[in-house]
Amino acid sequence: MVNNTQPNYATFNVTGCKSTFYVSYMKSYSTFGTASLVFNKAGTKQKVEKMLISRWDKSKGSGRYPEVTRFDDAQFSTLTVSLLPDEDDDKRAFKILEVQCV
């Protein structure tokens, strides 16, 4: 996902997943910014939101980073990952590698 292009989000159908969500994304010391992770319940305005920060210290290099989120009884219909805008040109990208129910 890159700023100044549309769309800058990805939505996944997670209807069958009831407890554990796995999102893998690239972390790097350059190029990547922050994204929001929003779980939505169908037919309601209920949602759960988290932040995914893909920038880290240069000494760590670049690599795949897993984010595991657990719920007692999720009942979500969609999961949306959206790149958050940033004034810094160097933070206008976010790379999702994998989304799955585990």
Protein backbone atom coordinates (compact mmCIF):
# COMPACT_ATOMS: atom_id res chain seq x y z
CA MET A 1 0.00 0.00 0.00
CA VAL A 2 1.37 3.41 -0.92
CA ASN A 3 0.16 6.94 -0.15
CA ASN A 4 -1.05 9.08 -3.04
CA THR A 5 -2.44 5.98 -4.76
CA GLN A 6 -5.91 4.54 -4.41
CA PRO A 7 -6.84 2.36 -2.75
CA ASN A 8 -4.46 2.54 0.18
CA TYR A 9 -6.21 -0.16 2.18
CA ALA A 10 -7.02 -3.85 1.93
CA THR A 11 -10.17 -5.52 3.34
CA PHE A 12 -10.37 -9.23 4.13
CA ASN A 13 -13.45 -11.37 4.81
CA VAL A 14 -12.84 -13.00 8.22
CA THR A 15 -16.38 -14.26 8.90
CA GLY A 16 -15.33 -17.81 9.79
CA CYS A 17 -12.54 -16.86 12.19
CA LYS A 18 -13.67 -16.91 15.81
CA SER A 19 -10.59 -16.38 17.94
CA THR A 20 -7.08 -15.91 16.52
CA PHE A 21 -5.94 -13.70 13.65
CA TYR A 22 -2.42 -13.75 12.18
CA VAL A 23 -1.15 -10.77 10.16
CA SER A 24 2.37 -10.81 8.81
CA TYR A 25 3.99 -7.66 7.44
CA MET A 26 7.40 -6.28 6.49
CA LYS A 27 9.38 -4.27 9.03
CA SER A 28 12.29 -2.13 7.93
CA TYR A 29 14.39 0.83 8.99
CA SER A 30 13.31 2.76 5.89
CA THR A 31 10.42 3.18 3.46
CA PHE A 32 7.66 1.74 5.65
CA GLY A 33 5.18 3.62 7.83
CA THR A 34 2.19 2.84 10.05
CA ALA A 35 -1.11 1.13 9.29
CA SER A 36 -4.33 0.65 11.21
CA LEU A 37 -5.81 -2.81 11.68
CA VAL A 38 -9.61 -2.65 12.12
CA PHE A 39 -11.87 -5.60 12.92
CA ASN A 40 -15.55 -4.86 12.10
CA LYS A 41 -18.68 -6.72 13.22
CA ALA A 42 -21.31 -7.18 10.50
CA GLY A 43 -24.45 -5.07 10.80
CA THR A 44 -23.11 -3.03 13.72
CA LYS A 45 -20.82 -0.10 14.35
CA GLN A 46 -18.73 -2.21 16.74
CA LYS A 47 -15.06 -2.43 15.88
CA VAL A 48 -11.67 -3.13 17.40
CA GLU A 49 -8.69 -1.12 16.19
CA LYS A 50 -4.94 -1.71 16.52
CA MET A 51 -1.87 -0.01 15.07
CA LEU A 52 0.84 -1.77 13.08
CA ILE A 53 4.16 0.07 13.10
CA SER A 54 6.51 -1.19 10.43
CA ARG A 55 9.54 0.98 11.12
CA TRP A 56 12.25 -0.14 13.51
CA ASP A 57 15.93 0.43 14.30
CA LYS A 58 18.40 0.14 11.41
CA SER A 59 20.48 -2.39 13.38
CA LYS A 60 17.63 -4.92 13.04
CA GLY A 61 17.65 -4.81 9.23
CA SER A 62 14.43 -5.79 7.47
CA GLY A 63 12.23 -8.79 8.01
CA ARG A 64 8.85 -10.46 8.30
CA TYR A 65 7.00 -9.51 11.50
CA PRO A 66 4.00 -11.46 12.84
CA GLU A 67 1.10 -9.82 14.69
CA VAL A 68 -1.17 -12.31 16.45
CA THR A 69 -4.47 -11.05 17.86
CA ARG A 70 -6.73 -13.25 19.99
CA PHE A 71 -10.37 -12.79 21.01
CA ASP A 72 -12.63 -14.98 23.17
CA ASP A 73 -15.44 -14.91 20.60
CA ALA A 74 -14.58 -12.64 17.70
CA GLN A 75 -17.60 -12.78 15.36
CA PHE A 76 -16.04 -10.20 13.04
CA SER A 77 -17.02 -9.96 9.39
CA THR A 78 -14.11 -7.97 7.96
CA LEU A 79 -10.55 -7.01 8.75
CA THR A 80 -9.28 -3.81 7.09
CA VAL A 81 -5.63 -2.76 6.98
CA SER A 82 -5.19 0.93 6.04
CA LEU A 83 -2.01 2.88 5.47
CA LEU A 84 -2.02 5.97 7.69
CA PRO A 85 -0.97 9.25 6.03
CA ASP A 86 2.39 10.71 6.97
CA GLU A 87 4.13 13.95 5.99
CA ASP A 88 7.43 12.06 5.69
CA ASP A 89 7.80 10.74 2.12
CA ASP A 90 9.88 7.90 3.51
CA LYS A 91 6.93 6.52 5.51
CA ARG A 92 4.38 6.24 2.72
CA ALA A 93 4.31 2.48 2.25
CA PHE A 94 3.20 -0.63 4.12
CA LYS A 95 3.72 -4.21 2.95
CA ILE A 96 1.28 -6.91 4.07
CA LEU A 97 2.69 -10.39 3.56
CA GLU A 98 -0.06 -12.65 4.92
CA VAL A 99 -3.44 -12.59 6.69
CA GLN A 100 -4.98 -15.78 8.07
CA CYS A 101 -7.17 -17.32 10.73
CA VAL A 102 -5.26 -19.70 12.97
